[in-house]
Amino acid sequence: MSGGGMWICMVLGVAGLWVLAWCAIRWAIGTRRPGSAPKAVVPLDVLDARLDAGEVTAEEYLRVRQFLPPRQQPAVMEVRDVHR
C-alpha cells in the first residue's frame, strides 16, 4: 500500500475502535430507560399467583396471608390550581 492507503486504513481502524467502545458501553449499561423501571414485587400478588397455579393449598394460602401486609391502594395525587 502506498502512503495514502495506510492513512485511510488507520482512520478506519480508529473509527472501528470508537464504535467497539461505544457498543461495549451500551452493552454494559443495558437498555434501561427512565420509564422502564422494573415493577415492584408485591408479596401478596406472588402468593395469589402461587394459589392460582396450584403451588399452595387454600389452607397454606390463608396461613401465610395472615403474615403479609394488606394491599395498599395506589396513592392519589392532589391537583392544586397554582394560578389563584
PDB file of N, CA and C in Angstrom:
ATOM      1  N   MET A   1       0.836  -1.191   0.000  1.00  0.00           N
ATOM      2  CA  MET A   1       0.000   0.000   0.000  1.00  0.00           C
ATOM      3  C   MET A   1       0.872   1.243   0.000  1.00  0.00           C
ATOM      4  N   SER A   2       0.339   2.239  -0.599  1.00  0.00           N
ATOM      5  CA  SER A   2       1.080   3.491  -0.623  1.00  0.00           C
ATOM      6  C   SER A   2       0.798   4.285   0.644  1.00  0.00           C
ATOM      7  N   GLY A   3       1.413   5.418   0.800  1.00  0.00           N
ATOM      8  CA  GLY A   3       1.244   6.256   1.986  1.00  0.00           C
ATOM      9  C   GLY A   3      -0.197   6.699   2.189  1.00  0.00           C
ATOM     10  N   GLY A   4      -0.916   6.989   1.112  1.00  0.00           N
ATOM     11  CA  GLY A   4      -2.311   7.409   1.205  1.00  0.00           C
ATOM     12  C   GLY A   4      -3.222   6.284   1.662  1.00  0.00           C
ATOM     13  N   GLY A   5      -2.951   5.078   1.223  1.00  0.00           N
ATOM     14  CA  GLY A   5      -3.755   3.916   1.605  1.00  0.00           C
ATOM     15  C   GLY A   5      -3.595   3.574   3.079  1.00  0.00           C
ATOM     16  N   MET A   6      -2.401   3.728   3.610  1.00  0.00           N
ATOM     17  CA  MET A   6      -2.159   3.451   5.034  1.00  0.00           C
ATOM     18  C   MET A   6      -2.922   4.450   5.901  1.00  0.00           C
ATOM     19  N   TRP A   7      -2.979   5.687   5.457  1.00  0.00           N
ATOM     20  CA  TRP A   7      -3.682   6.722   6.217  1.00  0.00           C
ATOM     21  C   TRP A   7      -5.173   6.392   6.322  1.00  0.00           C
ATOM     22  N   ILE A   8      -5.772   5.932   5.222  1.00  0.00           N
ATOM     23  CA  ILE A   8      -7.195   5.569   5.216  1.00  0.00           C
ATOM     24  C   ILE A   8      -7.434   4.373   6.141  1.00  0.00           C
ATOM     25  N   CYS A   9      -6.566   3.381   6.091  1.00  0.00           N
ATOM     26  CA  CYS A   9      -6.704   2.212   6.971  1.00  0.00           C
ATOM     27  C   CYS A   9      -6.600   2.618   8.436  1.00  0.00           C
ATOM     28  N   MET A  10      -5.700   3.536   8.741  1.00  0.00           N
ATOM     29  CA  MET A  10      -5.524   3.979  10.120  1.00  0.00           C
ATOM     30  C   MET A  10      -6.780   4.719  10.601  1.00  0.00           C
ATOM     31  N   VAL A  11      -7.362   5.569   9.788  1.00  0.00           N
ATOM     32  CA  VAL A  11      -8.580   6.299  10.159  1.00  0.00           C
ATOM     33  C   VAL A  11      -9.733   5.321  10.368  1.00  0.00           C
ATOM     34  N   LEU A  12      -9.881   4.371   9.464  1.00  0.00           N
ATOM     35  CA  LEU A  12     -10.952   3.377   9.602  1.00  0.00           C
ATOM     36  C   LEU A  12     -10.749   2.502  10.842  1.00  0.00           C
ATOM     37  N   GLY A  13      -9.512   2.172  11.153  1.00  0.00           N
ATOM     38  CA  GLY A  13      -9.218   1.377  12.346  1.00  0.00           C
ATOM     39  C   GLY A  13      -9.571   2.120  13.624  1.00  0.00           C
ATOM     40  N   VAL A  14      -9.220   3.399  13.699  1.00  0.00           N
ATOM     41  CA  VAL A  14      -9.547   4.203  14.878  1.00  0.00           C
ATOM     42  C   VAL A  14     -11.059   4.364  14.996  1.00  0.00           C
ATOM     43  N   ALA A  15     -11.742   4.596  13.875  1.00  0.00           N
ATOM     44  CA  ALA A  15     -13.201   4.716  13.908  1.00  0.00           C
ATOM     45  C   ALA A  15     -13.826   3.405  14.372  1.00  0.00           C
ATOM     46  N   GLY A  16     -13.277   2.286  13.920  1.00  0.00           N
ATOM     47  CA  GLY A  16     -13.774   0.977  14.361  1.00  0.00           C
ATOM     48  C   GLY A  16     -13.596   0.772  15.856  1.00  0.00           C
ATOM     49  N   LEU A  17     -12.476   1.242  16.403  1.00  0.00           N
ATOM     50  CA  LEU A  17     -12.251   1.130  17.843  1.00  0.00           C
ATOM     51  C   LEU A  17     -13.267   1.965  18.620  1.00  0.00           C
ATOM     52  N   TRP A  18     -13.584   3.163  18.101  1.00  0.00           N
ATOM     53  CA  TRP A  18     -14.592   4.006  18.769  1.00  0.00           C
ATOM     54  C   TRP A  18     -15.963   3.333  18.743  1.00  0.00           C
ATOM     55  N   VAL A  19     -16.303   2.709  17.626  1.00  0.00           N
ATOM     56  CA  VAL A  19     -17.588   2.008  17.528  1.00  0.00           C
ATOM     57  C   VAL A  19     -17.617   0.840  18.506  1.00  0.00           C
ATOM     58  N   LEU A  20     -16.548   0.092  18.593  1.00  0.00           N
ATOM     59  CA  LEU A  20     -16.478  -1.032  19.543  1.00  0.00           C
ATOM     60  C   LEU A  20     -16.594  -0.548  20.987  1.00  0.00           C
ATOM     61  N   ALA A  21     -15.925   0.560  21.305  1.00  0.00           N
ATOM     62  CA  ALA A  21     -16.012   1.103  22.664  1.00  0.00           C
ATOM     63  C   ALA A  21     -17.436   1.547  22.971  1.00  0.00           C
ATOM     64  N   TRP A  22     -18.091   2.187  22.011  1.00  0.00           N
ATOM     65  CA  TRP A  22     -19.478   2.630  22.205  1.00  0.00           C
ATOM     66  C   TRP A  22     -20.402   1.434  22.413  1.00  0.00           C
ATOM     67  N   CYS A  23     -20.227   0.386  21.605  1.00  0.00           N
ATOM     68  CA  CYS A  23     -21.048  -0.825  21.757  1.00  0.00           C
ATOM     69  C   CYS A  23     -20.820  -1.485  23.116  1.00  0.00           C
ATOM     70  N   ALA A  24     -19.593  -1.520  23.579  1.00  0.00           N
ATOM     71  CA  ALA A  24     -19.288  -2.129  24.872  1.00  0.00           C
ATOM     72  C   ALA A  24     -19.933  -1.346  26.011  1.00  0.00           C
ATOM     73  N   ILE A  25     -19.907  -0.026  25.916  1.00  0.00           N
ATOM     74  CA  ILE A  25     -20.537   0.801  26.951  1.00  0.00           C
ATOM     75  C   ILE A  25     -22.041   0.590  26.945  1.00  0.00           C
ATOM     76  N   ARG A  26     -22.665   0.581  25.766  1.00  0.00           N
ATOM     77  CA  ARG A  26     -24.115   0.355  25.672  1.00  0.00           C
ATOM     78  C   ARG A  26     -24.483  -1.015  26.235  1.00  0.00           C
ATOM     79  N   TRP A  27     -23.678  -2.033  25.955  1.00  0.00           N
ATOM     80  CA  TRP A  27     -23.945  -3.378  26.458  1.00  0.00           C
ATOM     81  C   TRP A  27     -23.813  -3.409  27.975  1.00  0.00           C
ATOM     82  N   ALA A  28     -22.790  -2.741  28.520  1.00  0.00           N
ATOM     83  CA  ALA A  28     -22.565  -2.745  29.963  1.00  0.00           C
ATOM     84  C   ALA A  28     -23.680  -2.009  30.703  1.00  0.00           C
ATOM     85  N   ILE A  29     -24.144  -0.913  30.142  1.00  0.00           N
ATOM     86  CA  ILE A  29     -25.210  -0.144  30.771  1.00  0.00           C
ATOM     87  C   ILE A  29     -26.545  -0.839  30.571  1.00  0.00           C
ATOM     88  N   GLY A  30     -26.731  -1.484  29.460  1.00  0.00           N
ATOM     89  CA  GLY A  30     -28.003  -2.106  29.137  1.00  0.00           C
ATOM     90  C   GLY A  30     -28.901  -1.116  28.444  1.00  0.00           C
ATOM     91  N   THR A  31     -30.135  -1.534  28.239  1.00  0.00           N
ATOM     92  CA  THR A  31     -31.083  -0.661  27.544  1.00  0.00           C
ATOM     93  C   THR A  31     -32.076  -0.083  28.520  1.00  0.00           C
ATOM     94  N   ARG A  32     -31.614   0.268  29.693  1.00  0.00           N
ATOM     95  CA  ARG A  32     -32.504   0.861  30.691  1.00  0.00           C
ATOM     96  C   ARG A  32     -32.950   2.235  30.241  1.00  0.00           C
ATOM     97  N   ARG A  33     -34.229   2.449  30.351  1.00  0.00           N
ATOM     98  CA  ARG A  33     -34.801   3.755  30.036  1.00  0.00           C
ATOM     99  C   ARG A  33     -35.489   4.255  31.287  1.00  0.00           C
ATOM    100  N   PRO A  34     -35.632   5.576  31.419  1.00  0.00           N
ATOM    101  CA  PRO A  34     -36.244   6.124  32.636  1.00  0.00           C
ATOM    102  C   PRO A  34     -37.625   5.563  32.939  1.00  0.00           C
ATOM    103  N   GLY A  35     -38.436   5.286  31.952  1.00  0.00           N
ATOM    104  CA  GLY A  35     -39.789   4.798  32.194  1.00  0.00           C
ATOM    105  C   GLY A  35     -39.893   3.292  32.268  1.00  0.00           C
ATOM    106  N   SER A  36     -38.790   2.574  32.153  1.00  0.00           N
ATOM    107  CA  SER A  36     -38.862   1.118  32.105  1.00  0.00           C
ATOM    108  C   SER A  36     -38.312   0.462  33.364  1.00  0.00           C
ATOM    109  N   ALA A  37     -38.481   1.105  34.494  1.00  0.00           N
ATOM    110  CA  ALA A  37     -38.022   0.514  35.748  1.00  0.00           C
ATOM    111  C   ALA A  37     -38.852  -0.721  36.058  1.00  0.00           C
ATOM    112  N   PRO A  38     -38.218  -1.739  36.617  1.00  0.00           N
ATOM    113  CA  PRO A  38     -38.977  -2.943  36.931  1.00  0.00           C
ATOM    114  C   PRO A  38     -40.052  -2.673  37.970  1.00  0.00           C
ATOM    115  N   LYS A  39     -41.159  -3.350  37.826  1.00  0.00           N
ATOM    116  CA  LYS A  39     -42.272  -3.177  38.752  1.00  0.00           C
ATOM    117  C   LYS A  39     -41.912  -3.826  40.086  1.00  0.00           C
ATOM    118  N   ALA A  40     -42.293  -3.172  41.160  1.00  0.00           N
ATOM    119  CA  ALA A  40     -42.017  -3.705  42.487  1.00  0.00           C
ATOM    120  C   ALA A  40     -42.811  -4.993  42.699  1.00  0.00           C
ATOM    121  N   VAL A  41     -42.190  -5.957  43.345  1.00  0.00           N
ATOM    122  CA  VAL A  41     -42.847  -7.224  43.633  1.00  0.00           C
ATOM    123  C   VAL A  41     -43.656  -7.066  44.916  1.00  0.00           C
ATOM    124  N   VAL A  42     -44.947  -7.378  44.822  1.00  0.00           N
ATOM    125  CA  VAL A  42     -45.830  -7.308  45.977  1.00  0.00           C
ATOM    126  C   VAL A  42     -46.025  -8.734  46.478  1.00  0.00           C
ATOM    127  N   PRO A  43     -45.644  -9.012  47.737  1.00  0.00           N
ATOM    128  CA  PRO A  43     -45.723 -10.378  48.244  1.00  0.00           C
ATOM    129  C   PRO A  43     -47.109 -11.008  48.106  1.00  0.00           C
ATOM    130  N   LEU A  44     -48.144 -10.211  48.323  1.00  0.00           N
ATOM    131  CA  LEU A  44     -49.498 -10.761  48.235  1.00  0.00           C
ATOM    132  C   LEU A  44     -49.834 -11.170  46.797  1.00  0.00           C
ATOM    133  N   ASP A  45     -49.301 -10.437  45.819  1.00  0.00           N
ATOM    134  CA  ASP A  45     -49.506 -10.814  44.418  1.00  0.00           C
ATOM    135  C   ASP A  45     -48.810 -12.132  44.098  1.00  0.00           C
ATOM    136  N   VAL A  46     -47.632 -12.323  44.666  1.00  0.00           N
ATOM    137  CA  VAL A  46     -46.900 -13.573  44.456  1.00  0.00           C
ATOM    138  C   VAL A  46     -47.680 -14.731  45.069  1.00  0.00           C
ATOM    139  N   LEU A  47     -48.195 -14.531  46.260  1.00  0.00           N
ATOM    140  CA  LEU A  47     -48.965 -15.581  46.925  1.00  0.00           C
ATOM    141  C   LEU A  47     -50.233 -15.900  46.128  1.00  0.00           C
ATOM    142  N   ASP A  48     -50.914 -14.864  45.624  1.00  0.00           N
ATOM    143  CA  ASP A  48     -52.109 -15.086  44.802  1.00  0.00           C
ATOM    144  C   ASP A  48     -51.769 -15.897  43.557  1.00  0.00           C
ATOM    145  N   ALA A  49     -50.653 -15.575  42.918  1.00  0.00           N
ATOM    146  CA  ALA A  49     -50.243 -16.286  41.712  1.00  0.00           C
ATOM    147  C   ALA A  49     -49.924 -17.748  42.029  1.00  0.00           C
ATOM    148  N   ARG A  50     -49.293 -17.985  43.161  1.00  0.00           N
ATOM    149  CA  ARG A  50     -48.977 -19.366  43.549  1.00  0.00           C
ATOM    150  C   ARG A  50     -50.239 -20.164  43.830  1.00  0.00           C
ATOM    151  N   LEU A  51     -51.265 -19.513  44.422  1.00  0.00           N
ATOM    152  CA  LEU A  51     -52.534 -20.191  44.651  1.00  0.00           C
ATOM    153  C   LEU A  51     -53.209 -20.507  43.314  1.00  0.00           C
ATOM    154  N   ASP A  52     -53.189 -19.540  42.388  1.00  0.00           N
ATOM    155  CA  ASP A  52     -53.779 -19.760  41.068  1.00  0.00           C
ATOM    156  C   ASP A  52     -53.095 -20.896  40.315  1.00  0.00           C
ATOM    157  N   ALA A  53     -51.787 -21.010  40.483  1.00  0.00           N
ATOM    158  CA  ALA A  53     -51.028 -22.047  39.782  1.00  0.00           C
ATOM    159  C   ALA A  53     -51.134 -23.398  40.481  1.00  0.00           C
ATOM    160  N   GLY A  54     -51.746 -23.427  41.659  1.00  0.00           N
ATOM    161  CA  GLY A  54     -51.879 -24.685  42.386  1.00  0.00           C
ATOM    162  C   GLY A  54     -50.635 -25.078  43.163  1.00  0.00           C
ATOM    163  N   GLU A  55     -49.730 -24.146  43.369  1.00  0.00           N
ATOM    164  CA  GLU A  55     -48.496 -24.450  44.093  1.00  0.00           C
ATOM    165  C   GLU A  55     -48.719 -24.505  45.601  1.00  0.00           C
ATOM    166  N   VAL A  56     -49.775 -23.836  46.092  1.00  0.00           N
ATOM    167  CA  VAL A  56     -50.109 -23.881  47.523  1.00  0.00           C
ATOM    168  C   VAL A  56     -51.596 -24.220  47.650  1.00  0.00           C
ATOM    169  N   THR A  57     -51.932 -24.829  48.767  1.00  0.00           N
ATOM    170  CA  THR A  57     -53.339 -25.145  49.020  1.00  0.00           C
ATOM    171  C   THR A  57     -54.021 -23.932  49.626  1.00  0.00           C
ATOM    172  N   ALA A  58     -55.346 -23.993  49.723  1.00  0.00           N
ATOM    173  CA  ALA A  58     -56.101 -22.884  50.312  1.00  0.00           C
ATOM    174  C   ALA A  58     -55.717 -22.697  51.773  1.00  0.00           C
ATOM    175  N   GLU A  59     -55.459 -23.802  52.472  1.00  0.00           N
ATOM    176  CA  GLU A  59     -55.066 -23.701  53.880  1.00  0.00           C
ATOM    177  C   GLU A  59     -53.708 -23.015  54.025  1.00  0.00           C
ATOM    178  N   GLU A  60     -52.752 -23.390  53.157  1.00  0.00           N
ATOM    179  CA  GLU A  60     -51.434 -22.749  53.200  1.00  0.00           C
ATOM    180  C   GLU A  60     -51.552 -21.267  52.839  1.00  0.00           C
ATOM    181  N   TYR A  61     -52.394 -20.973  51.859  1.00  0.00           N
ATOM    182  CA  TYR A  61     -52.603 -19.600  51.433  1.00  0.00           C
ATOM    183  C   TYR A  61     -53.097 -18.747  52.593  1.00  0.00           C
ATOM    184  N   LEU A  62     -54.125 -19.222  53.295  1.00  0.00           N
ATOM    185  CA  LEU A  62     -54.689 -18.456  54.409  1.00  0.00           C
ATOM    186  C   LEU A  62     -53.700 -18.314  55.559  1.00  0.00           C
ATOM    187  N   ARG A  63     -52.919 -19.361  55.804  1.00  0.00           N
ATOM    188  CA  ARG A  63     -51.938 -19.321  56.891  1.00  0.00           C
ATOM    189  C   ARG A  63     -50.850 -18.279  56.595  1.00  0.00           C
ATOM    190  N   VAL A  64     -50.341 -18.263  55.365  1.00  0.00           N
ATOM    191  CA  VAL A  64     -49.266 -17.332  55.000  1.00  0.00           C
ATOM    192  C   VAL A  64     -49.806 -15.902  54.869  1.00  0.00           C
ATOM    193  N   ARG A  65     -51.023 -15.770  54.360  1.00  0.00           N
ATOM    194  CA  ARG A  65     -51.579 -14.436  54.117  1.00  0.00           C
ATOM    195  C   ARG A  65     -51.697 -13.610  55.396  1.00  0.00           C
ATOM    196  N   GLN A  66     -51.908 -14.270  56.525  1.00  0.00           N
ATOM    197  CA  GLN A  66     -52.060 -13.519  57.772  1.00  0.00           C
ATOM    198  C   GLN A  66     -50.776 -12.809  58.185  1.00  0.00           C
ATOM    199  N   PHE A  67     -49.641 -13.237  57.642  1.00  0.00           N
ATOM    200  CA  PHE A  67     -48.362 -12.612  57.987  1.00  0.00           C
ATOM    201  C   PHE A  67     -47.958 -11.504  57.012  1.00  0.00           C
ATOM    202  N   LEU A  68     -48.710 -11.361  55.930  1.00  0.00           N
ATOM    203  CA  LEU A  68     -48.365 -10.364  54.916  1.00  0.00           C
ATOM    204  C   LEU A  68     -49.138  -9.076  55.154  1.00  0.00           C
ATOM    205  N   PRO A  69     -48.543  -7.936  54.818  1.00  0.00           N
ATOM    206  CA  PRO A  69     -49.269  -6.668  54.966  1.00  0.00           C
ATOM    207  C   PRO A  69     -50.406  -6.605  53.951  1.00  0.00           C
ATOM    208  N   PRO A  70     -51.467  -5.869  54.261  1.00  0.00           N
ATOM    209  CA  PRO A  70     -52.577  -5.760  53.308  1.00  0.00           C
ATOM    210  C   PRO A  70     -52.147  -4.999  52.059  1.00  0.00           C
ATOM    211  N   ARG A  71     -52.881  -5.218  50.986  1.00  0.00           N
ATOM    212  CA  ARG A  71     -52.599  -4.490  49.745  1.00  0.00           C
ATOM    213  C   ARG A  71     -52.853  -3.022  49.954  1.00  0.00           C
ATOM    214  N   GLN A  72     -51.974  -2.206  49.443  1.00  0.00           N
ATOM    215  CA  GLN A  72     -52.144  -0.758  49.561  1.00  0.00           C
ATOM    216  C   GLN A  72     -52.756  -0.224  48.277  1.00  0.00           C
ATOM    217  N   GLN A  73     -53.666   0.701  48.424  1.00  0.00           N
ATOM    218  CA  GLN A  73     -54.266   1.350  47.267  1.00  0.00           C
ATOM    219  C   GLN A  73     -53.250   2.319  46.676  1.00  0.00           C
ATOM    220  N   PRO A  74     -53.263   2.502  45.367  1.00  0.00           N
ATOM    221  CA  PRO A  74     -52.332   3.467  44.776  1.00  0.00           C
ATOM    222  C   PRO A  74     -52.583   4.868  45.313  1.00  0.00           C
ATOM    223  N   ALA A  75     -51.513   5.583  45.499  1.00  0.00           N
ATOM    224  CA  ALA A  75     -51.622   6.943  46.026  1.00  0.00           C
ATOM    225  C   ALA A  75     -52.320   7.842  45.007  1.00  0.00           C
ATOM    226  N   VAL A  76     -53.173   8.699  45.492  1.00  0.00           N
ATOM    227  CA  VAL A  76     -53.879   9.638  44.633  1.00  0.00           C
ATOM    228  C   VAL A  76     -53.240  10.999  44.829  1.00  0.00           C
ATOM    229  N   MET A  77     -52.846  11.610  43.734  1.00  0.00           N
ATOM    230  CA  MET A  77     -52.203  12.907  43.818  1.00  0.00           C
ATOM    231  C   MET A  77     -53.273  13.996  43.816  1.00  0.00           C
ATOM    232  N   GLU A  78     -53.075  14.966  44.661  1.00  0.00           N
ATOM    233  CA  GLU A  78     -53.995  16.098  44.725  1.00  0.00           C
ATOM    234  C   GLU A  78     -53.530  17.145  43.729  1.00  0.00           C
ATOM    235  N   VAL A  79     -54.435  17.606  42.913  1.00  0.00           N
ATOM    236  CA  VAL A  79     -54.103  18.614  41.906  1.00  0.00           C
ATOM    237  C   VAL A  79     -54.551  19.964  42.451  1.00  0.00           C
ATOM    238  N   ARG A  80     -53.617  20.883  42.497  1.00  0.00           N
ATOM    239  CA  ARG A  80     -53.926  22.221  43.009  1.00  0.00           C
ATOM    240  C   ARG A  80     -53.824  23.217  41.878  1.00  0.00           C
ATOM    241  N   ASP A  81     -54.674  24.224  41.966  1.00  0.00           N
ATOM    242  CA  ASP A  81     -54.625  25.298  40.983  1.00  0.00           C
ATOM    243  C   ASP A  81     -53.590  26.310  41.461  1.00  0.00           C
ATOM    244  N   VAL A  82     -52.477  26.409  40.752  1.00  0.00           N
ATOM    245  CA  VAL A  82     -51.395  27.296  41.172  1.00  0.00           C
ATOM    246  C   VAL A  82     -51.573  28.719  40.654  1.00  0.00           C
ATOM    247  N   HIS A  83     -52.607  28.953  39.890  1.00  0.00           N
ATOM    248  CA  HIS A  83     -52.817  30.274  39.304  1.00  0.00           C
ATOM    249  C   HIS A  83     -53.860  31.085  40.059  1.00  0.00           C
ATOM    250  N   ARG A  84     -54.071  30.791  41.312  1.00  0.00           N
ATOM    251  CA  ARG A  84     -55.042  31.549  42.108  1.00  0.00           C
ATOM    252  C   ARG A  84     -54.415  32.747  42.723  1.00  0.00           C
TER     253      ARG A  84
END
